[in-house]
N, C-alpha and C. Protein backbone atom coordinates (compact mmCIF):
# COMPACT_ATOMS: atom_id res chain seq x y z
N MET A 1 138.48 -42.83 -26.20
CA MET A 1 137.12 -42.91 -25.71
C MET A 1 137.09 -43.06 -24.19
N TRP A 2 137.97 -43.87 -23.64
CA TRP A 2 138.01 -44.04 -22.19
C TRP A 2 138.34 -42.73 -21.49
N ILE A 3 139.17 -41.93 -22.10
CA ILE A 3 139.52 -40.64 -21.50
C ILE A 3 138.29 -39.75 -21.41
N MET A 4 137.46 -39.73 -22.46
CA MET A 4 136.23 -38.93 -22.44
C MET A 4 135.29 -39.40 -21.33
N ILE A 5 135.14 -40.70 -21.20
CA ILE A 5 134.25 -41.24 -20.16
C ILE A 5 134.75 -40.85 -18.78
N LEU A 6 136.06 -40.97 -18.55
CA LEU A 6 136.63 -40.60 -17.25
C LEU A 6 136.45 -39.11 -16.97
N LEU A 7 136.61 -38.27 -17.99
CA LEU A 7 136.42 -36.83 -17.80
C LEU A 7 134.98 -36.50 -17.44
N VAL A 8 134.04 -37.15 -18.10
CA VAL A 8 132.62 -36.93 -17.80
C VAL A 8 132.31 -37.37 -16.38
N LEU A 9 132.79 -38.55 -15.99
CA LEU A 9 132.54 -39.04 -14.63
C LEU A 9 133.19 -38.14 -13.59
N ALA A 10 134.38 -37.67 -13.85
CA ALA A 10 135.06 -36.76 -12.92
C ALA A 10 134.28 -35.46 -12.77
N GLY A 11 133.75 -34.95 -13.85
CA GLY A 11 132.95 -33.72 -13.80
C GLY A 11 131.68 -33.91 -13.00
N CYS A 12 131.03 -35.06 -13.15
CA CYS A 12 129.80 -35.34 -12.40
C CYS A 12 130.11 -35.46 -10.92
N ALA A 13 131.19 -36.15 -10.58
CA ALA A 13 131.54 -36.34 -9.18
C ALA A 13 131.86 -35.00 -8.53
N ARG A 14 132.51 -34.13 -9.21
CA ARG A 14 132.88 -32.84 -8.66
C ARG A 14 131.65 -31.98 -8.38
N SER A 15 130.64 -32.05 -9.23
CA SER A 15 129.47 -31.20 -9.07
C SER A 15 128.66 -31.56 -7.83
N THR A 16 128.62 -32.83 -7.44
CA THR A 16 127.84 -33.21 -6.26
C THR A 16 128.52 -32.79 -4.97
N ARG A 17 129.85 -32.63 -4.99
CA ARG A 17 130.56 -32.21 -3.78
C ARG A 17 130.23 -30.76 -3.41
N ASN A 18 129.80 -29.97 -4.35
CA ASN A 18 129.51 -28.56 -4.09
C ASN A 18 128.10 -28.34 -3.55
N GLU A 19 127.27 -29.36 -3.59
CA GLU A 19 125.90 -29.21 -3.09
C GLU A 19 125.90 -29.24 -1.56
N PRO A 20 125.08 -28.40 -0.93
CA PRO A 20 125.02 -28.42 0.54
C PRO A 20 124.39 -29.72 1.04
N SER A 21 124.77 -30.11 2.24
CA SER A 21 124.19 -31.31 2.86
C SER A 21 122.72 -31.08 3.16
N ARG A 22 121.96 -32.15 3.09
CA ARG A 22 120.53 -32.10 3.38
C ARG A 22 120.24 -32.99 4.58
N TYR A 23 119.21 -32.59 5.34
CA TYR A 23 118.87 -33.29 6.57
C TYR A 23 117.38 -33.60 6.58
N PRO A 24 117.00 -34.74 7.18
CA PRO A 24 115.58 -35.13 7.19
C PRO A 24 114.73 -34.12 7.96
N VAL A 25 113.58 -33.80 7.40
CA VAL A 25 112.57 -32.98 8.07
C VAL A 25 111.24 -33.71 8.00
N THR A 26 110.46 -33.58 9.05
CA THR A 26 109.11 -34.15 9.08
C THR A 26 108.20 -33.14 9.76
N GLY A 27 106.91 -33.29 9.54
CA GLY A 27 106.01 -32.38 10.21
C GLY A 27 104.56 -32.68 9.97
N LYS A 28 103.74 -31.90 10.66
CA LYS A 28 102.29 -32.00 10.55
C LYS A 28 101.74 -30.60 10.29
N VAL A 29 100.65 -30.55 9.51
CA VAL A 29 100.01 -29.28 9.18
C VAL A 29 98.51 -29.43 9.39
N THR A 30 97.95 -28.53 10.22
CA THR A 30 96.50 -28.53 10.42
C THR A 30 95.95 -27.15 10.08
N LEU A 31 94.69 -27.13 9.70
CA LEU A 31 93.96 -25.88 9.48
C LEU A 31 92.75 -25.91 10.40
N ASP A 32 92.72 -25.00 11.36
CA ASP A 32 91.65 -24.95 12.36
C ASP A 32 91.48 -26.30 13.06
N GLY A 33 92.62 -26.95 13.36
CA GLY A 33 92.61 -28.20 14.11
C GLY A 33 92.41 -29.45 13.28
N THR A 34 92.14 -29.30 11.99
CA THR A 34 91.91 -30.45 11.11
C THR A 34 93.12 -30.65 10.20
N PRO A 35 93.65 -31.88 10.12
CA PRO A 35 94.80 -32.11 9.24
C PRO A 35 94.49 -31.74 7.80
N ILE A 36 95.43 -31.07 7.15
CA ILE A 36 95.28 -30.77 5.72
C ILE A 36 95.51 -32.08 4.97
N LEU A 37 94.53 -32.51 4.21
CA LEU A 37 94.61 -33.81 3.55
C LEU A 37 95.63 -33.84 2.43
N GLU A 38 95.67 -32.77 1.64
CA GLU A 38 96.58 -32.75 0.50
C GLU A 38 96.99 -31.32 0.20
N GLY A 39 98.27 -31.10 0.02
CA GLY A 39 98.78 -29.77 -0.28
C GLY A 39 100.29 -29.79 -0.39
N THR A 40 100.90 -28.64 -0.17
CA THR A 40 102.35 -28.52 -0.29
C THR A 40 102.88 -27.56 0.77
N VAL A 41 104.02 -27.91 1.35
CA VAL A 41 104.77 -27.03 2.25
C VAL A 41 106.00 -26.58 1.50
N TYR A 42 106.28 -25.28 1.54
CA TYR A 42 107.48 -24.73 0.90
C TYR A 42 108.39 -24.16 1.99
N PHE A 43 109.65 -24.61 2.01
CA PHE A 43 110.67 -24.02 2.88
C PHE A 43 111.49 -23.09 2.00
N ARG A 44 111.45 -21.79 2.28
CA ARG A 44 112.17 -20.79 1.46
C ARG A 44 113.38 -20.26 2.22
N THR A 45 114.49 -20.17 1.50
CA THR A 45 115.73 -19.62 2.05
C THR A 45 116.12 -18.43 1.20
N ALA A 46 115.89 -17.24 1.71
CA ALA A 46 116.17 -16.03 0.93
C ALA A 46 117.64 -15.91 0.58
N SER A 47 118.54 -16.22 1.53
CA SER A 47 119.97 -16.01 1.29
C SER A 47 120.52 -16.92 0.19
N LEU A 48 119.95 -18.11 0.03
CA LEU A 48 120.42 -19.05 -1.00
C LEU A 48 119.54 -19.03 -2.24
N GLY A 49 118.40 -18.36 -2.17
CA GLY A 49 117.45 -18.41 -3.28
C GLY A 49 116.89 -19.81 -3.45
N LEU A 50 116.82 -20.55 -2.36
CA LEU A 50 116.44 -21.96 -2.39
C LEU A 50 114.98 -22.12 -1.96
N ILE A 51 114.25 -22.94 -2.68
CA ILE A 51 112.88 -23.29 -2.30
C ILE A 51 112.80 -24.81 -2.27
N GLU A 52 112.47 -25.36 -1.10
CA GLU A 52 112.30 -26.80 -0.97
C GLU A 52 110.82 -27.09 -0.81
N ARG A 53 110.36 -28.11 -1.51
CA ARG A 53 108.93 -28.40 -1.62
C ARG A 53 108.66 -29.78 -1.04
N PHE A 54 107.67 -29.86 -0.15
CA PHE A 54 107.31 -31.14 0.47
C PHE A 54 105.80 -31.35 0.34
N PRO A 55 105.38 -32.45 -0.26
CA PRO A 55 103.94 -32.73 -0.37
C PRO A 55 103.33 -33.02 1.01
N ILE A 56 102.12 -32.52 1.22
CA ILE A 56 101.35 -32.84 2.42
C ILE A 56 100.39 -33.96 2.06
N LYS A 57 100.41 -35.03 2.84
CA LYS A 57 99.48 -36.15 2.67
C LYS A 57 98.89 -36.47 4.04
N SER A 58 97.59 -36.41 4.16
CA SER A 58 96.90 -36.70 5.43
C SER A 58 97.48 -35.93 6.60
N GLY A 59 97.81 -34.66 6.37
CA GLY A 59 98.29 -33.80 7.43
C GLY A 59 99.77 -33.89 7.75
N SER A 60 100.51 -34.75 7.05
CA SER A 60 101.94 -34.93 7.33
C SER A 60 102.79 -34.64 6.11
N PHE A 61 104.04 -34.23 6.36
CA PHE A 61 104.99 -34.05 5.27
C PHE A 61 106.37 -34.53 5.72
N SER A 62 107.22 -34.86 4.76
CA SER A 62 108.59 -35.25 5.07
C SER A 62 109.45 -35.06 3.83
N GLY A 63 110.75 -34.97 4.06
CA GLY A 63 111.70 -34.81 2.97
C GLY A 63 113.06 -34.43 3.53
N ASP A 64 113.92 -33.91 2.69
CA ASP A 64 115.26 -33.50 3.09
C ASP A 64 115.45 -32.03 2.76
N ALA A 65 116.10 -31.30 3.68
CA ALA A 65 116.30 -29.86 3.50
C ALA A 65 117.71 -29.47 3.92
N VAL A 66 118.19 -28.39 3.35
CA VAL A 66 119.48 -27.81 3.72
C VAL A 66 119.32 -27.13 5.08
N ALA A 67 120.35 -27.19 5.93
CA ALA A 67 120.29 -26.57 7.25
C ALA A 67 120.18 -25.05 7.12
N GLY A 68 119.43 -24.45 8.06
CA GLY A 68 119.30 -23.00 8.09
C GLY A 68 117.90 -22.55 8.44
N ASP A 69 117.73 -21.24 8.51
CA ASP A 69 116.43 -20.64 8.82
C ASP A 69 115.58 -20.56 7.56
N ARG A 70 114.29 -20.84 7.70
CA ARG A 70 113.37 -20.84 6.57
C ARG A 70 112.13 -20.01 6.87
N ARG A 71 111.59 -19.43 5.81
CA ARG A 71 110.22 -18.91 5.85
C ARG A 71 109.39 -20.02 5.26
N VAL A 72 108.29 -20.37 5.91
CA VAL A 72 107.48 -21.53 5.50
C VAL A 72 106.16 -21.05 4.91
N GLU A 73 105.83 -21.61 3.75
CA GLU A 73 104.57 -21.29 3.07
C GLU A 73 103.78 -22.57 2.85
N PHE A 74 102.47 -22.43 2.72
CA PHE A 74 101.59 -23.57 2.53
C PHE A 74 100.68 -23.31 1.34
N SER A 75 100.36 -24.39 0.63
CA SER A 75 99.49 -24.26 -0.53
C SER A 75 98.53 -25.45 -0.58
N VAL A 76 97.27 -25.15 -0.79
CA VAL A 76 96.25 -26.17 -1.03
C VAL A 76 95.47 -25.72 -2.26
N LEU A 77 95.61 -26.47 -3.33
CA LEU A 77 94.97 -26.10 -4.60
C LEU A 77 93.72 -26.93 -4.83
N LYS A 78 92.76 -26.34 -5.55
CA LYS A 78 91.58 -27.10 -5.97
C LYS A 78 91.25 -26.70 -7.40
N ASN A 79 90.61 -27.60 -8.11
CA ASN A 79 90.19 -27.32 -9.48
C ASN A 79 88.92 -26.49 -9.47
N VAL A 80 88.91 -25.43 -10.27
CA VAL A 80 87.73 -24.58 -10.42
C VAL A 80 87.47 -24.39 -11.91
N ASN A 81 86.24 -24.04 -12.23
CA ASN A 81 85.90 -23.80 -13.64
C ASN A 81 86.68 -22.60 -14.16
N SER A 82 87.19 -22.74 -15.35
CA SER A 82 87.96 -21.66 -15.98
C SER A 82 87.03 -20.53 -16.38
N THR A 83 87.42 -19.32 -16.00
CA THR A 83 86.61 -18.15 -16.37
C THR A 83 87.46 -17.13 -17.13
N GLY A 84 88.61 -17.58 -17.61
CA GLY A 84 89.53 -16.68 -18.32
C GLY A 84 88.94 -16.17 -19.61
N PRO A 85 89.54 -15.10 -20.14
CA PRO A 85 89.04 -14.53 -21.40
C PRO A 85 89.24 -15.51 -22.55
N LYS A 86 88.30 -15.50 -23.45
CA LYS A 86 88.39 -16.37 -24.62
C LYS A 86 89.09 -15.61 -25.73
N MET A 87 90.07 -16.28 -26.34
CA MET A 87 90.82 -15.67 -27.43
C MET A 87 90.56 -16.47 -28.70
N PRO A 88 90.48 -15.80 -29.83
CA PRO A 88 90.24 -16.51 -31.08
C PRO A 88 91.32 -17.56 -31.34
N GLY A 89 90.89 -18.76 -31.67
CA GLY A 89 91.82 -19.83 -32.00
C GLY A 89 92.44 -20.53 -30.82
N VAL A 90 92.09 -20.12 -29.59
CA VAL A 90 92.65 -20.74 -28.39
C VAL A 90 91.51 -21.32 -27.57
N THR A 91 91.62 -22.60 -27.25
CA THR A 91 90.62 -23.25 -26.42
C THR A 91 91.13 -23.25 -24.98
N PRO A 92 90.49 -22.50 -24.08
CA PRO A 92 90.95 -22.47 -22.69
C PRO A 92 90.64 -23.80 -22.00
N PRO A 93 91.39 -24.13 -20.98
CA PRO A 93 91.09 -25.36 -20.24
C PRO A 93 89.74 -25.23 -19.54
N GLU A 94 89.09 -26.37 -19.34
CA GLU A 94 87.79 -26.34 -18.66
C GLU A 94 87.95 -25.98 -17.19
N THR A 95 89.03 -26.46 -16.57
CA THR A 95 89.28 -26.14 -15.17
C THR A 95 90.72 -25.66 -15.00
N VAL A 96 90.92 -24.88 -13.96
CA VAL A 96 92.26 -24.41 -13.58
C VAL A 96 92.40 -24.64 -12.08
N GLN A 97 93.64 -24.63 -11.59
CA GLN A 97 93.86 -24.79 -10.16
C GLN A 97 93.91 -23.43 -9.48
N ALA A 98 93.21 -23.33 -8.36
CA ALA A 98 93.17 -22.09 -7.59
C ALA A 98 93.58 -22.36 -6.15
N GLU A 99 94.29 -21.41 -5.56
CA GLU A 99 94.71 -21.52 -4.16
C GLU A 99 93.51 -21.36 -3.25
N THR A 100 93.40 -22.24 -2.25
CA THR A 100 92.28 -22.16 -1.31
C THR A 100 92.66 -21.50 0.01
N LEU A 101 93.96 -21.40 0.28
CA LEU A 101 94.41 -20.78 1.53
C LEU A 101 94.62 -19.28 1.35
N PRO A 102 94.36 -18.50 2.39
CA PRO A 102 94.61 -17.06 2.30
C PRO A 102 96.11 -16.76 2.19
N ALA A 103 96.43 -15.57 1.70
CA ALA A 103 97.82 -15.15 1.52
C ALA A 103 98.62 -15.21 2.82
N ALA A 104 97.96 -15.09 3.97
CA ALA A 104 98.65 -15.15 5.26
C ALA A 104 99.36 -16.48 5.48
N PHE A 105 98.97 -17.50 4.71
CA PHE A 105 99.61 -18.81 4.85
C PHE A 105 100.59 -19.11 3.72
N ASN A 106 100.66 -18.25 2.71
CA ASN A 106 101.61 -18.50 1.61
C ASN A 106 102.41 -17.24 1.32
N THR A 107 102.00 -16.41 0.40
CA THR A 107 102.84 -15.28 -0.02
C THR A 107 103.13 -14.28 1.10
N GLU A 108 102.25 -14.21 2.11
CA GLU A 108 102.46 -13.30 3.23
C GLU A 108 102.73 -14.04 4.54
N SER A 109 103.16 -15.28 4.44
CA SER A 109 103.37 -16.12 5.61
C SER A 109 104.42 -15.56 6.56
N THR A 110 104.14 -15.70 7.86
CA THR A 110 105.13 -15.35 8.89
C THR A 110 105.62 -16.61 9.61
N PHE A 111 105.23 -17.78 9.12
CA PHE A 111 105.69 -19.03 9.71
C PHE A 111 107.17 -19.23 9.40
N THR A 112 107.91 -19.78 10.37
CA THR A 112 109.34 -20.03 10.18
C THR A 112 109.70 -21.41 10.70
N ALA A 113 110.86 -21.89 10.26
CA ALA A 113 111.41 -23.16 10.74
C ALA A 113 112.93 -23.06 10.65
N THR A 114 113.61 -23.70 11.58
CA THR A 114 115.07 -23.77 11.53
C THR A 114 115.46 -25.23 11.39
N VAL A 115 116.12 -25.55 10.29
CA VAL A 115 116.60 -26.91 10.02
C VAL A 115 118.03 -27.00 10.53
N THR A 116 118.32 -28.02 11.35
CA THR A 116 119.66 -28.18 11.91
C THR A 116 120.25 -29.53 11.52
N PRO A 117 121.58 -29.61 11.44
CA PRO A 117 122.22 -30.89 11.14
C PRO A 117 121.95 -31.94 12.21
N ASP A 118 121.76 -31.50 13.47
CA ASP A 118 121.57 -32.43 14.58
C ASP A 118 120.12 -32.87 14.76
N GLY A 119 119.18 -32.23 14.06
CA GLY A 119 117.78 -32.60 14.15
C GLY A 119 117.18 -32.19 15.48
N PRO A 120 115.99 -32.66 15.83
CA PRO A 120 115.23 -33.66 15.11
C PRO A 120 114.48 -33.11 13.90
N ASN A 121 114.38 -31.79 13.73
CA ASN A 121 113.72 -31.19 12.56
C ASN A 121 112.29 -31.69 12.36
N GLU A 122 111.56 -31.73 13.47
CA GLU A 122 110.14 -32.10 13.44
C GLU A 122 109.34 -30.83 13.71
N PHE A 123 108.43 -30.52 12.80
CA PHE A 123 107.71 -29.25 12.87
C PHE A 123 106.21 -29.49 12.91
N ILE A 124 105.51 -28.70 13.72
CA ILE A 124 104.05 -28.74 13.76
C ILE A 124 103.57 -27.33 13.42
N PHE A 125 102.79 -27.24 12.35
CA PHE A 125 102.25 -25.96 11.91
C PHE A 125 100.74 -25.99 12.08
N GLU A 126 100.24 -25.11 12.95
CA GLU A 126 98.80 -25.03 13.21
C GLU A 126 98.28 -23.74 12.58
N LEU A 127 97.66 -23.87 11.42
CA LEU A 127 97.11 -22.73 10.70
C LEU A 127 95.71 -22.44 11.24
N LYS A 128 95.44 -21.18 11.51
CA LYS A 128 94.13 -20.79 12.05
C LYS A 128 93.52 -19.73 11.14
N SER A 129 92.34 -20.03 10.60
CA SER A 129 91.69 -19.08 9.70
C SER A 129 90.83 -18.08 10.47
N ARG A 130 90.62 -18.32 11.72
CA ARG A 130 89.77 -17.43 12.53
C ARG A 130 90.60 -16.66 13.52
């Protein structure tokens, strides 16, 4: 039994060594000069297929990210009344979440960030709808 436990622990220890190092990132996000109260910032790394997600609270976000160049996307969701098709035997939800930001800030974003091991990795994103 002890041998099994040691093998499991050795396997777990080995898997964490293969993960890339992460570094602190912080930032602020505004829309037309006003802090975004609640939303999400996504740091995307095409070469690694990595997506890092940071919640926005009162215009600020923070977390840990792998070093490298990122394409940055933003999301602000709100609940809206469900208008989906009704199917027999299926009760649709009363509300669903819908994106409030235009595609230029998420799926078509041109915002970028470079995360470095040396930091400071502080980013200010000023989104302008006009």
